[in-house]
Amino acid sequence: IMALVGTFLLVFFWLLHRQVLKPLQLINRSLIAIKSNDALQPLPQTGIKEIHSLESALVDLQQSVQDSVKARQDMEYLAHHDLLTGLPNRRYFIQKTMDKTRQAAVDGQPVTIGLVDIDYFKRINDEFGHAAGDAVLTQFADIFRSALREGDDLCRYGGEEFAFALIGADLSETQRISERLRVEVQKFKFQIPGGKEPVSLSISLGLAQIDHQG
């Protein structure tokens, strides 16, 4: 009888571990994976239908969490970026630049701000229409990104105005970077929708080095 009881207990605990405890451990890992946005590991095949229902629910929960995260990221992007050019918007640029400027003051680094204006931009809209103006702004944004250094903060400040902040760059270095941008714009042929003749543009820039003493 004791041998039978022992055998029964061994089988019982083996089945308990295989059918219940192990799936519960994997469910716990799955919940951790959902929290970390990692891939879910499939639960073992068991005869308990509730385990399968729970696995399906976990998959649905992870998808819901991922959708929620993506929706939040999309909302943050829309709140911080200009939809036409994909550049950061004015509000986000100012907030980010103020934070970096405070840190630069602590580190003793220079900070230079630049404001860029596309000259006579209104004539593009007047002669070719607003779709052409949007196309020019988009092309300019690409030049703007490539002319500045990687990691520099830039934005569409409003209309045909753009701004940038160079951390660790004094006024003379910023002048060299700005001149590179000016030359790149000057030699670029901006494409106009509808097969019209490309146009040339110029820009004006204003620069100011931030005085950390006030």
N, C-alpha and C. Protein backbone atom coordinates (compact mmCIF):
# COMPACT_ATOMS: atom_id res chain seq x y z
N ILE A 1 0.84 -1.21 0.00
CA ILE A 1 0.00 0.00 0.00
C ILE A 1 0.87 1.25 0.00
N MET A 2 1.93 1.23 0.83
CA MET A 2 2.81 2.41 0.88
C MET A 2 3.49 2.66 -0.47
N ALA A 3 3.84 1.53 -1.13
CA ALA A 3 4.47 1.69 -2.45
C ALA A 3 3.49 2.29 -3.44
N LEU A 4 2.22 1.83 -3.38
CA LEU A 4 1.21 2.38 -4.27
C LEU A 4 0.97 3.86 -3.97
N VAL A 5 0.89 4.18 -2.66
CA VAL A 5 0.68 5.59 -2.28
C VAL A 5 1.86 6.44 -2.74
N GLY A 6 3.07 5.91 -2.54
CA GLY A 6 4.25 6.66 -2.99
C GLY A 6 4.25 6.89 -4.48
N THR A 7 3.91 5.80 -5.23
CA THR A 7 3.85 5.94 -6.68
C THR A 7 2.79 6.95 -7.10
N PHE A 8 1.63 6.86 -6.42
CA PHE A 8 0.55 7.79 -6.72
C PHE A 8 0.97 9.24 -6.48
N LEU A 9 1.65 9.45 -5.33
CA LEU A 9 2.09 10.81 -5.01
C LEU A 9 3.11 11.31 -6.02
N LEU A 10 4.04 10.42 -6.43
CA LEU A 10 5.03 10.83 -7.43
C LEU A 10 4.36 11.23 -8.74
N VAL A 11 3.41 10.38 -9.18
CA VAL A 11 2.70 10.71 -10.41
C VAL A 11 1.89 11.98 -10.26
N PHE A 12 1.25 12.12 -9.06
CA PHE A 12 0.44 13.30 -8.81
C PHE A 12 1.28 14.58 -8.87
N PHE A 13 2.41 14.56 -8.18
CA PHE A 13 3.25 15.77 -8.16
C PHE A 13 3.89 16.03 -9.53
N TRP A 14 4.19 14.95 -10.27
CA TRP A 14 4.73 15.14 -11.62
C TRP A 14 3.69 15.79 -12.52
N LEU A 15 2.45 15.27 -12.44
CA LEU A 15 1.38 15.87 -13.23
C LEU A 15 1.09 17.30 -12.78
N LEU A 16 1.13 17.53 -11.46
CA LEU A 16 0.89 18.88 -10.93
C LEU A 16 1.94 19.85 -11.47
N HIS A 17 3.20 19.40 -11.47
CA HIS A 17 4.27 20.27 -11.97
C HIS A 17 4.13 20.50 -13.47
N ARG A 18 3.83 19.43 -14.20
CA ARG A 18 3.78 19.53 -15.66
C ARG A 18 2.54 20.27 -16.15
N GLN A 19 1.42 19.99 -15.52
CA GLN A 19 0.16 20.53 -16.01
C GLN A 19 -0.21 21.88 -15.39
N VAL A 20 0.32 22.19 -14.21
CA VAL A 20 -0.11 23.40 -13.51
C VAL A 20 1.06 24.32 -13.16
N LEU A 21 2.04 23.78 -12.40
CA LEU A 21 3.09 24.66 -11.89
C LEU A 21 3.96 25.23 -13.01
N LYS A 22 4.37 24.35 -13.95
CA LYS A 22 5.21 24.83 -15.04
C LYS A 22 4.49 25.86 -15.90
N PRO A 23 3.22 25.60 -16.30
CA PRO A 23 2.49 26.65 -17.03
C PRO A 23 2.36 27.95 -16.25
N LEU A 24 2.16 27.85 -14.93
CA LEU A 24 2.06 29.07 -14.11
C LEU A 24 3.37 29.84 -14.11
N GLN A 25 4.50 29.10 -14.06
CA GLN A 25 5.80 29.77 -14.12
C GLN A 25 5.98 30.49 -15.46
N LEU A 26 5.55 29.81 -16.54
CA LEU A 26 5.67 30.42 -17.86
C LEU A 26 4.70 31.60 -18.01
N ILE A 27 3.55 31.49 -17.37
CA ILE A 27 2.61 32.63 -17.39
C ILE A 27 3.25 33.83 -16.70
N ASN A 28 3.93 33.57 -15.58
CA ASN A 28 4.62 34.66 -14.88
C ASN A 28 5.70 35.28 -15.77
N ARG A 29 6.45 34.42 -16.49
CA ARG A 29 7.47 34.93 -17.41
C ARG A 29 6.83 35.73 -18.54
N SER A 30 5.67 35.25 -18.98
CA SER A 30 4.97 35.95 -20.05
C SER A 30 4.54 37.34 -19.61
N LEU A 31 4.06 37.45 -18.38
CA LEU A 31 3.67 38.76 -17.86
C LEU A 31 4.86 39.70 -17.77
N ILE A 32 6.02 39.15 -17.36
CA ILE A 32 7.25 39.95 -17.33
C ILE A 32 7.64 40.37 -18.75
N ALA A 33 7.48 39.43 -19.71
CA ALA A 33 7.82 39.74 -21.11
C ALA A 33 6.91 40.84 -21.65
N ILE A 34 5.63 40.80 -21.29
CA ILE A 34 4.70 41.84 -21.73
C ILE A 34 5.12 43.19 -21.18
N LYS A 35 5.52 43.20 -19.91
CA LYS A 35 5.97 44.45 -19.28
C LYS A 35 7.21 45.00 -19.98
N SER A 36 8.11 44.08 -20.41
CA SER A 36 9.36 44.50 -21.07
C SER A 36 9.20 44.61 -22.57
N ASN A 37 8.00 44.31 -23.08
CA ASN A 37 7.72 44.33 -24.52
C ASN A 37 8.60 43.35 -25.29
N ASP A 38 8.85 42.18 -24.65
CA ASP A 38 9.59 41.11 -25.31
C ASP A 38 8.61 40.11 -25.93
N ALA A 39 9.16 39.20 -26.74
CA ALA A 39 8.32 38.18 -27.38
C ALA A 39 7.83 37.17 -26.35
N LEU A 40 6.60 36.71 -26.52
CA LEU A 40 6.03 35.71 -25.62
C LEU A 40 6.52 34.32 -26.00
N GLN A 41 6.84 33.50 -24.98
CA GLN A 41 7.15 32.11 -25.21
C GLN A 41 5.86 31.30 -25.15
N PRO A 42 5.66 30.35 -26.09
CA PRO A 42 4.42 29.56 -26.07
C PRO A 42 4.33 28.71 -24.81
N LEU A 43 3.12 28.59 -24.27
CA LEU A 43 2.90 27.76 -23.09
C LEU A 43 2.87 26.30 -23.51
N PRO A 44 3.27 25.38 -22.60
CA PRO A 44 3.28 23.96 -22.95
C PRO A 44 1.87 23.44 -23.18
N GLN A 45 1.76 22.39 -23.99
CA GLN A 45 0.47 21.76 -24.24
C GLN A 45 0.00 21.03 -22.98
N THR A 46 -1.17 21.34 -22.54
CA THR A 46 -1.75 20.67 -21.38
C THR A 46 -3.20 20.31 -21.70
N GLY A 47 -3.76 19.47 -20.83
CA GLY A 47 -5.16 19.11 -20.99
C GLY A 47 -6.10 20.06 -20.30
N ILE A 48 -5.56 21.12 -19.74
CA ILE A 48 -6.38 22.07 -19.00
C ILE A 48 -6.76 23.21 -19.93
N LYS A 49 -8.01 23.32 -20.27
CA LYS A 49 -8.44 24.30 -21.27
C LYS A 49 -8.27 25.73 -20.77
N GLU A 50 -8.32 25.90 -19.43
CA GLU A 50 -8.14 27.25 -18.88
C GLU A 50 -6.74 27.79 -19.19
N ILE A 51 -5.75 26.88 -19.24
CA ILE A 51 -4.39 27.31 -19.57
C ILE A 51 -4.33 27.85 -20.99
N HIS A 52 -5.00 27.16 -21.91
CA HIS A 52 -5.03 27.62 -23.30
C HIS A 52 -5.78 28.95 -23.42
N SER A 53 -6.86 29.09 -22.67
CA SER A 53 -7.61 30.35 -22.69
C SER A 53 -6.74 31.48 -22.16
N LEU A 54 -5.97 31.18 -21.11
CA LEU A 54 -5.10 32.20 -20.53
C LEU A 54 -3.99 32.59 -21.49
N GLU A 55 -3.45 31.58 -22.22
CA GLU A 55 -2.42 31.88 -23.21
C GLU A 55 -2.96 32.82 -24.28
N SER A 56 -4.16 32.56 -24.77
CA SER A 56 -4.78 33.42 -25.77
C SER A 56 -5.00 34.83 -25.22
N ALA A 57 -5.41 34.88 -23.95
CA ALA A 57 -5.63 36.19 -23.32
C ALA A 57 -4.32 36.96 -23.19
N LEU A 58 -3.22 36.24 -22.89
CA LEU A 58 -1.92 36.90 -22.77
C LEU A 58 -1.46 37.47 -24.11
N VAL A 59 -1.70 36.72 -25.18
CA VAL A 59 -1.34 37.21 -26.52
C VAL A 59 -2.14 38.47 -26.84
N ASP A 60 -3.43 38.45 -26.53
CA ASP A 60 -4.28 39.63 -26.77
C ASP A 60 -3.82 40.80 -25.92
N LEU A 61 -3.43 40.51 -24.67
CA LEU A 61 -2.97 41.57 -23.76
C LEU A 61 -1.69 42.20 -24.28
N GLN A 62 -0.75 41.38 -24.75
CA GLN A 62 0.49 41.94 -25.28
C GLN A 62 0.23 42.81 -26.50
N GLN A 63 -0.67 42.35 -27.39
CA GLN A 63 -0.99 43.15 -28.56
C GLN A 63 -1.62 44.47 -28.16
N SER A 64 -2.48 44.43 -27.16
CA SER A 64 -3.11 45.65 -26.67
C SER A 64 -2.09 46.60 -26.07
N VAL A 65 -1.13 46.04 -25.32
CA VAL A 65 -0.08 46.87 -24.72
C VAL A 65 0.78 47.50 -25.82
N GLN A 66 1.15 46.70 -26.83
CA GLN A 66 1.97 47.22 -27.93
C GLN A 66 1.23 48.31 -28.70
N ASP A 67 -0.06 48.10 -28.94
CA ASP A 67 -0.86 49.12 -29.63
C ASP A 67 -0.91 50.40 -28.81
N SER A 68 -1.04 50.24 -27.49
CA SER A 68 -1.11 51.41 -26.61
C SER A 68 0.22 52.17 -26.60
N VAL A 69 1.31 51.41 -26.56
CA VAL A 69 2.64 52.05 -26.57
C VAL A 69 2.86 52.80 -27.88
N LYS A 70 2.49 52.15 -29.00
CA LYS A 70 2.67 52.80 -30.31
C LYS A 70 1.80 54.05 -30.41
N ALA A 71 0.56 53.97 -29.90
CA ALA A 71 -0.32 55.13 -29.95
C ALA A 71 0.26 56.28 -29.13
N ARG A 72 0.84 55.94 -27.98
CA ARG A 72 1.45 56.98 -27.14
C ARG A 72 2.66 57.59 -27.84
N GLN A 73 3.48 56.73 -28.47
CA GLN A 73 4.64 57.23 -29.20
C GLN A 73 4.23 58.12 -30.36
N ASP A 74 3.17 57.72 -31.07
CA ASP A 74 2.67 58.52 -32.19
C ASP A 74 2.18 59.88 -31.70
N MET A 75 1.48 59.88 -30.57
CA MET A 75 0.98 61.14 -30.02
C MET A 75 2.11 62.05 -29.59
N GLU A 76 3.15 61.45 -28.98
CA GLU A 76 4.31 62.25 -28.57
C GLU A 76 5.01 62.83 -29.79
N TYR A 77 5.12 62.02 -30.85
CA TYR A 77 5.77 62.50 -32.07
C TYR A 77 4.97 63.67 -32.66
N LEU A 78 3.65 63.51 -32.75
CA LEU A 78 2.82 64.57 -33.30
C LEU A 78 2.89 65.84 -32.46
N ALA A 79 3.02 65.67 -31.14
CA ALA A 79 3.09 66.83 -30.25
C ALA A 79 4.42 67.57 -30.36
N HIS A 80 5.46 66.85 -30.79
CA HIS A 80 6.81 67.42 -30.78
C HIS A 80 7.36 67.76 -32.15
N HIS A 81 6.66 67.36 -33.23
CA HIS A 81 7.23 67.53 -34.56
C HIS A 81 6.28 68.26 -35.51
N ASP A 82 6.90 68.90 -36.48
CA ASP A 82 6.18 69.54 -37.57
C ASP A 82 5.83 68.47 -38.60
N LEU A 83 4.56 68.34 -38.92
CA LEU A 83 4.12 67.24 -39.78
C LEU A 83 4.64 67.37 -41.21
N LEU A 84 4.84 68.58 -41.69
CA LEU A 84 5.27 68.76 -43.08
C LEU A 84 6.72 68.34 -43.27
N THR A 85 7.61 68.85 -42.44
CA THR A 85 9.05 68.63 -42.62
C THR A 85 9.60 67.48 -41.79
N GLY A 86 8.87 67.06 -40.75
CA GLY A 86 9.38 66.04 -39.86
C GLY A 86 10.39 66.56 -38.85
N LEU A 87 10.67 67.87 -38.87
CA LEU A 87 11.57 68.46 -37.90
C LEU A 87 10.85 68.69 -36.57
N PRO A 88 11.59 68.78 -35.48
CA PRO A 88 10.96 69.17 -34.22
C PRO A 88 10.27 70.52 -34.37
N ASN A 89 9.20 70.71 -33.61
CA ASN A 89 8.49 71.99 -33.69
C ASN A 89 9.09 73.01 -32.72
N ARG A 90 8.58 74.21 -32.78
CA ARG A 90 9.13 75.33 -32.00
C ARG A 90 9.08 75.08 -30.50
N ARG A 91 7.93 74.61 -30.03
CA ARG A 91 7.76 74.41 -28.59
C ARG A 91 8.74 73.37 -28.04
N TYR A 92 8.86 72.25 -28.75
CA TYR A 92 9.76 71.19 -28.30
C TYR A 92 11.21 71.65 -28.38
N PHE A 93 11.54 72.38 -29.44
CA PHE A 93 12.91 72.89 -29.60
C PHE A 93 13.29 73.80 -28.45
N ILE A 94 12.41 74.73 -28.10
CA ILE A 94 12.71 75.67 -27.01
C ILE A 94 12.90 74.93 -25.70
N GLN A 95 11.99 74.00 -25.42
CA GLN A 95 12.08 73.24 -24.17
C GLN A 95 13.39 72.45 -24.10
N LYS A 96 13.72 71.75 -25.19
CA LYS A 96 14.93 70.93 -25.21
C LYS A 96 16.18 71.78 -25.13
N THR A 97 16.17 72.91 -25.85
CA THR A 97 17.34 73.79 -25.86
C THR A 97 17.58 74.41 -24.49
N MET A 98 16.51 74.79 -23.80
CA MET A 98 16.66 75.37 -22.46
C MET A 98 17.29 74.36 -21.51
N ASP A 99 16.84 73.11 -21.60
CA ASP A 99 17.42 72.06 -20.74
C ASP A 99 18.91 71.86 -21.05
N LYS A 100 19.24 71.79 -22.34
CA LYS A 100 20.63 71.57 -22.72
C LYS A 100 21.50 72.78 -22.38
N THR A 101 20.91 73.97 -22.47
CA THR A 101 21.67 75.18 -22.16
C THR A 101 22.04 75.23 -20.68
N ARG A 102 21.09 74.83 -19.83
CA ARG A 102 21.39 74.79 -18.39
C ARG A 102 22.52 73.81 -18.10
N GLN A 103 22.50 72.65 -18.75
CA GLN A 103 23.57 71.68 -18.53
C GLN A 103 24.89 72.19 -19.10
N ALA A 104 24.82 72.87 -20.25
CA ALA A 104 26.04 73.42 -20.86
C ALA A 104 26.67 74.46 -19.94
N ALA A 105 25.84 75.23 -19.26
CA ALA A 105 26.37 76.23 -18.33
C ALA A 105 27.14 75.56 -17.20
N VAL A 106 26.61 74.44 -16.72
CA VAL A 106 27.29 73.68 -15.66
C VAL A 106 28.61 73.12 -16.17
N ASP A 107 28.61 72.64 -17.42
CA ASP A 107 29.81 72.03 -18.00
C ASP A 107 30.78 73.06 -18.57
N GLY A 108 30.36 74.33 -18.60
CA GLY A 108 31.23 75.36 -19.15
C GLY A 108 31.34 75.34 -20.67
N GLN A 109 30.32 74.83 -21.35
CA GLN A 109 30.33 74.76 -22.81
C GLN A 109 29.61 75.95 -23.42
N PRO A 110 30.10 76.43 -24.55
CA PRO A 110 29.38 77.51 -25.24
C PRO A 110 28.14 76.97 -25.94
N VAL A 111 27.15 77.81 -26.10
CA VAL A 111 25.92 77.47 -26.82
C VAL A 111 25.60 78.62 -27.77
N THR A 112 25.38 78.29 -29.03
CA THR A 112 25.03 79.32 -30.01
C THR A 112 23.70 78.98 -30.65
N ILE A 113 22.84 79.98 -30.76
CA ILE A 113 21.52 79.84 -31.35
C ILE A 113 21.52 80.49 -32.73
N GLY A 114 20.86 79.84 -33.68
CA GLY A 114 20.75 80.40 -35.02
C GLY A 114 19.30 80.43 -35.47
N LEU A 115 18.92 81.49 -36.15
CA LEU A 115 17.58 81.61 -36.74
C LEU A 115 17.76 81.79 -38.24
N VAL A 116 17.06 80.95 -39.02
CA VAL A 116 17.22 80.91 -40.48
C VAL A 116 15.90 81.29 -41.13
N ASP A 117 15.99 82.13 -42.16
CA ASP A 117 14.80 82.55 -42.89
C ASP A 117 15.06 82.36 -44.39
N ILE A 118 14.09 81.71 -45.08
CA ILE A 118 14.20 81.56 -46.53
C ILE A 118 13.78 82.88 -47.18
N ASP A 119 14.67 83.45 -47.96
CA ASP A 119 14.41 84.77 -48.54
C ASP A 119 13.30 84.72 -49.58
N TYR A 120 12.43 85.71 -49.54
CA TYR A 120 11.37 85.90 -50.55
C TYR A 120 10.55 84.63 -50.78
N PHE A 121 10.29 83.93 -49.69
CA PHE A 121 9.56 82.67 -49.82
C PHE A 121 8.13 82.89 -50.31
N LYS A 122 7.56 84.02 -50.00
CA LYS A 122 6.17 84.29 -50.36
C LYS A 122 5.96 84.19 -51.87
N ARG A 123 6.99 84.54 -52.64
CA ARG A 123 6.82 84.50 -54.11
C ARG A 123 6.64 83.08 -54.61
N ILE A 124 7.17 82.09 -53.88
CA ILE A 124 6.98 80.69 -54.28
C ILE A 124 5.50 80.34 -54.20
N ASN A 125 4.88 80.70 -53.07
CA ASN A 125 3.45 80.44 -52.91
C ASN A 125 2.62 81.23 -53.93
N ASP A 126 3.02 82.48 -54.15
CA ASP A 126 2.25 83.34 -55.06
C ASP A 126 2.35 82.86 -56.51
N GLU A 127 3.54 82.45 -56.94
CA GLU A 127 3.74 82.08 -58.34
C GLU A 127 3.34 80.63 -58.64
N PHE A 128 3.59 79.73 -57.69
CA PHE A 128 3.42 78.30 -57.99
C PHE A 128 2.35 77.62 -57.13
N GLY A 129 1.88 78.29 -56.08
CA GLY A 129 0.87 77.68 -55.21
C GLY A 129 1.47 77.13 -53.93
N HIS A 130 0.60 76.86 -52.97
CA HIS A 130 1.06 76.42 -51.65
C HIS A 130 1.64 75.01 -51.68
N ALA A 131 1.20 74.17 -52.62
CA ALA A 131 1.79 72.83 -52.73
C ALA A 131 3.28 72.94 -53.08
N ALA A 132 3.62 73.90 -53.93
CA ALA A 132 5.02 74.13 -54.27
C ALA A 132 5.79 74.64 -53.06
N GLY A 133 5.15 75.53 -52.30
CA GLY A 133 5.78 76.03 -51.08
C GLY A 133 6.08 74.91 -50.10
N ASP A 134 5.12 73.99 -49.94
CA ASP A 134 5.34 72.85 -49.05
C ASP A 134 6.49 71.98 -49.54
N ALA A 135 6.57 71.78 -50.85
CA ALA A 135 7.65 70.97 -51.42
C ALA A 135 9.01 71.62 -51.17
N VAL A 136 9.07 72.93 -51.30
CA VAL A 136 10.33 73.65 -51.05
C VAL A 136 10.74 73.53 -49.60
N LEU A 137 9.78 73.69 -48.69
CA LEU A 137 10.09 73.58 -47.26
C LEU A 137 10.61 72.19 -46.91
N THR A 138 10.01 71.16 -47.51
CA THR A 138 10.46 69.80 -47.25
C THR A 138 11.87 69.58 -47.76
N GLN A 139 12.17 70.08 -48.94
CA GLN A 139 13.52 69.95 -49.50
C GLN A 139 14.54 70.74 -48.67
N PHE A 140 14.13 71.93 -48.23
CA PHE A 140 15.04 72.72 -47.40
C PHE A 140 15.34 71.99 -46.09
N ALA A 141 14.33 71.36 -45.50
CA ALA A 141 14.53 70.64 -44.24
C ALA A 141 15.59 69.55 -44.40
N ASP A 142 15.61 68.88 -45.56
CA ASP A 142 16.63 67.86 -45.80
C ASP A 142 18.03 68.47 -45.86
N ILE A 143 18.15 69.61 -46.53
CA ILE A 143 19.44 70.30 -46.58
C ILE A 143 19.85 70.75 -45.19
N PHE A 144 18.89 71.26 -44.45
CA PHE A 144 19.13 71.76 -43.09
C PHE A 144 19.71 70.66 -42.21
N ARG A 145 19.11 69.48 -42.29
CA ARG A 145 19.59 68.35 -41.47
C ARG A 145 21.03 67.98 -41.84
N SER A 146 21.28 67.88 -43.14
CA SER A 146 22.59 67.41 -43.59
C SER A 146 23.70 68.42 -43.34
N ALA A 147 23.38 69.70 -43.31
CA ALA A 147 24.42 70.73 -43.15
C ALA A 147 24.87 70.86 -41.70
N LEU A 148 23.98 70.55 -40.76
CA LEU A 148 24.36 70.66 -39.36
C LEU A 148 25.05 69.38 -38.89
N ARG A 149 25.62 69.45 -37.70
CA ARG A 149 26.32 68.31 -37.14
C ARG A 149 25.32 67.30 -36.57
N GLU A 150 25.73 66.07 -36.52
CA GLU A 150 24.87 65.05 -35.92
C GLU A 150 24.68 65.35 -34.44
N GLY A 151 23.44 65.34 -34.00
CA GLY A 151 23.15 65.62 -32.60
C GLY A 151 22.78 67.06 -32.33
N ASP A 152 22.97 67.96 -33.32
CA ASP A 152 22.55 69.35 -33.12
C ASP A 152 21.03 69.44 -33.10
N ASP A 153 20.52 70.37 -32.31
CA ASP A 153 19.07 70.55 -32.23
C ASP A 153 18.62 71.56 -33.28
N LEU A 154 17.56 71.22 -33.99
CA LEU A 154 17.03 72.11 -35.02
C LEU A 154 15.52 71.96 -35.06
N CYS A 155 14.86 72.92 -35.68
CA CYS A 155 13.40 72.88 -35.73
C CYS A 155 12.88 73.76 -36.85
N ARG A 156 11.62 73.53 -37.18
CA ARG A 156 10.89 74.49 -38.00
C ARG A 156 10.26 75.47 -37.01
N TYR A 157 10.74 76.69 -37.04
CA TYR A 157 10.33 77.66 -36.04
C TYR A 157 8.96 78.23 -36.34
N GLY A 158 8.60 78.25 -37.61
CA GLY A 158 7.30 78.77 -38.01
C GLY A 158 7.36 79.30 -39.43
N GLY A 159 6.36 78.93 -40.27
CA GLY A 159 6.37 79.40 -41.64
C GLY A 159 7.62 78.97 -42.36
N GLU A 160 8.38 79.94 -42.90
CA GLU A 160 9.63 79.63 -43.59
C GLU A 160 10.84 79.89 -42.69
N GLU A 161 10.61 79.97 -41.39
CA GLU A 161 11.70 80.19 -40.44
C GLU A 161 12.10 78.87 -39.77
N PHE A 162 13.40 78.72 -39.61
CA PHE A 162 13.96 77.52 -38.97
C PHE A 162 14.97 77.99 -37.92
N ALA A 163 15.20 77.14 -36.93
CA ALA A 163 16.13 77.51 -35.86
C ALA A 163 17.02 76.33 -35.52
N PHE A 164 18.18 76.62 -34.95
CA PHE A 164 19.06 75.55 -34.48
C PHE A 164 19.83 76.03 -33.26
N ALA A 165 20.28 75.06 -32.47
CA ALA A 165 21.09 75.33 -31.28
C ALA A 165 22.30 74.41 -31.32
N LEU A 166 23.48 74.98 -31.25
CA LEU A 166 24.71 74.20 -31.29
C LEU A 166 25.36 74.23 -29.91
N ILE A 167 25.35 73.09 -29.25
CA ILE A 167 25.97 72.96 -27.93
C ILE A 167 27.46 72.66 -28.12
N GLY A 168 28.29 73.40 -27.42
CA GLY A 168 29.74 73.20 -27.52
C GLY A 168 30.37 73.92 -28.69
N ALA A 169 29.60 74.76 -29.37
CA ALA A 169 30.13 75.50 -30.52
C ALA A 169 30.10 77.00 -30.22
N ASP A 170 31.24 77.66 -30.37
CA ASP A 170 31.25 79.10 -30.16
C ASP A 170 30.76 79.80 -31.42
N LEU A 171 30.75 81.11 -31.40
CA LEU A 171 30.19 81.88 -32.50
C LEU A 171 30.94 81.66 -33.81
N SER A 172 32.27 81.58 -33.74
CA SER A 172 33.05 81.43 -34.97
C SER A 172 32.80 80.05 -35.61
N GLU A 173 32.72 79.00 -34.80
CA GLU A 173 32.44 77.67 -35.36
C GLU A 173 31.04 77.63 -35.95
N THR A 174 30.09 78.26 -35.25
CA THR A 174 28.72 78.28 -35.76
C THR A 174 28.64 79.05 -37.07
N GLN A 175 29.44 80.10 -37.21
CA GLN A 175 29.47 80.84 -38.47
C GLN A 175 29.93 79.95 -39.63
N ARG A 176 30.91 79.09 -39.38
CA ARG A 176 31.40 78.19 -40.42
C ARG A 176 30.30 77.18 -40.82
N ILE A 177 29.59 76.66 -39.82
CA ILE A 177 28.52 75.70 -40.10
C ILE A 177 27.38 76.41 -40.85
N SER A 178 27.07 77.62 -40.43
CA SER A 178 26.01 78.38 -41.08
C SER A 178 26.36 78.73 -42.52
N GLU A 179 27.62 79.04 -42.75
CA GLU A 179 28.06 79.35 -44.11
C GLU A 179 27.93 78.12 -45.01
N ARG A 180 28.22 76.95 -44.44
CA ARG A 180 28.05 75.71 -45.21
C ARG A 180 26.59 75.52 -45.59
N LEU A 181 25.69 75.79 -44.65
CA LEU A 181 24.26 75.69 -44.95
C LEU A 181 23.86 76.69 -46.02
N ARG A 182 24.35 77.92 -45.91
CA ARG A 182 23.99 78.96 -46.89
C ARG A 182 24.44 78.57 -48.28
N VAL A 183 25.65 78.04 -48.40
CA VAL A 183 26.18 77.66 -49.71
C VAL A 183 25.40 76.48 -50.28
N GLU A 184 25.09 75.50 -49.43
CA GLU A 184 24.33 74.33 -49.90
C GLU A 184 22.97 74.74 -50.45
N VAL A 185 22.32 75.68 -49.76
CA VAL A 185 21.02 76.15 -50.24
C VAL A 185 21.19 76.92 -51.55
N GLN A 186 22.21 77.74 -51.62
CA GLN A 186 22.41 78.59 -52.79
C GLN A 186 22.62 77.77 -54.07
N LYS A 187 23.30 76.65 -53.96
CA LYS A 187 23.61 75.87 -55.17
C LYS A 187 22.57 74.78 -55.45
N PHE A 188 21.58 74.64 -54.56
CA PHE A 188 20.57 73.60 -54.74
C PHE A 188 19.45 74.09 -55.66
N LYS A 189 18.96 73.21 -56.51
CA LYS A 189 17.84 73.51 -57.39
C LYS A 189 16.58 72.88 -56.79
N PHE A 190 15.70 73.71 -56.28
CA PHE A 190 14.50 73.23 -55.63
C PHE A 190 13.47 72.82 -56.68
N GLN A 191 13.01 71.57 -56.54
CA GLN A 191 12.05 71.02 -57.50
C GLN A 191 10.65 71.53 -57.19
N ILE A 192 9.94 71.94 -58.26
CA ILE A 192 8.57 72.44 -58.15
C ILE A 192 7.63 71.39 -58.73
N PRO A 193 6.58 71.01 -57.99
CA PRO A 193 5.64 70.01 -58.51
C PRO A 193 5.00 70.45 -59.82
N GLY A 194 4.63 69.46 -60.63
CA GLY A 194 3.97 69.77 -61.90
C GLY A 194 4.92 69.94 -63.05
N GLY A 195 6.19 69.54 -62.86
CA GLY A 195 7.15 69.62 -63.96
C GLY A 195 7.63 71.02 -64.27
N LYS A 196 7.42 71.96 -63.35
CA LYS A 196 7.88 73.35 -63.59
C LYS A 196 9.38 73.44 -63.40
N GLU A 197 9.93 74.53 -63.91
CA GLU A 197 11.37 74.76 -63.85
C GLU A 197 11.83 74.86 -62.39
N PRO A 198 12.91 74.15 -62.03
CA PRO A 198 13.44 74.27 -60.66
C PRO A 198 13.83 75.71 -60.34
N VAL A 199 13.79 76.04 -59.06
CA VAL A 199 14.09 77.42 -58.64
C VAL A 199 15.29 77.42 -57.69
N SER A 200 15.97 78.55 -57.66
CA SER A 200 17.07 78.75 -56.73
C SER A 200 16.60 79.68 -55.61
N LEU A 201 17.12 79.44 -54.43
CA LEU A 201 16.73 80.25 -53.27
C LEU A 201 17.97 80.64 -52.47
N SER A 202 17.77 81.60 -51.60
CA SER A 202 18.83 81.99 -50.67
C SER A 202 18.23 82.08 -49.28
N ILE A 203 19.09 82.15 -48.28
CA ILE A 203 18.63 82.26 -46.89
C ILE A 203 19.37 83.37 -46.18
N SER A 204 18.76 83.87 -45.13
CA SER A 204 19.41 84.80 -44.22
C SER A 204 19.48 84.15 -42.85
N LEU A 205 20.58 84.40 -42.14
CA LEU A 205 20.77 83.78 -40.83
C LEU A 205 21.13 84.83 -39.79
N GLY A 206 20.63 84.61 -38.60
CA GLY A 206 21.04 85.42 -37.46
C GLY A 206 21.59 84.50 -36.38
N LEU A 207 22.73 84.87 -35.79
CA LEU A 207 23.39 84.02 -34.79
C LEU A 207 23.62 84.80 -33.51
N ALA A 208 23.53 84.10 -32.40
CA ALA A 208 23.81 84.72 -31.11
C ALA A 208 24.34 83.66 -30.16
N GLN A 209 25.49 83.98 -29.53
CA GLN A 209 26.03 83.07 -28.52
C GLN A 209 25.39 83.39 -27.17
N ILE A 210 24.95 82.37 -26.47
CA ILE A 210 24.29 82.57 -25.18
C ILE A 210 25.31 82.93 -24.12
N ASP A 211 24.98 83.94 -23.36
CA ASP A 211 25.84 84.36 -22.27
C ASP A 211 25.35 83.69 -20.99
N HIS A 212 26.16 82.76 -20.47
CA HIS A 212 25.75 82.01 -19.27
C HIS A 212 25.71 82.89 -18.02
N GLN A 213 26.26 84.09 -18.11
CA GLN A 213 26.21 84.99 -16.96
C GLN A 213 24.91 85.77 -16.92
N GLY A 214 24.04 85.53 -17.93
CA GLY A 214 22.79 86.29 -18.00
C GLY A 214 22.76 87.21 -19.19
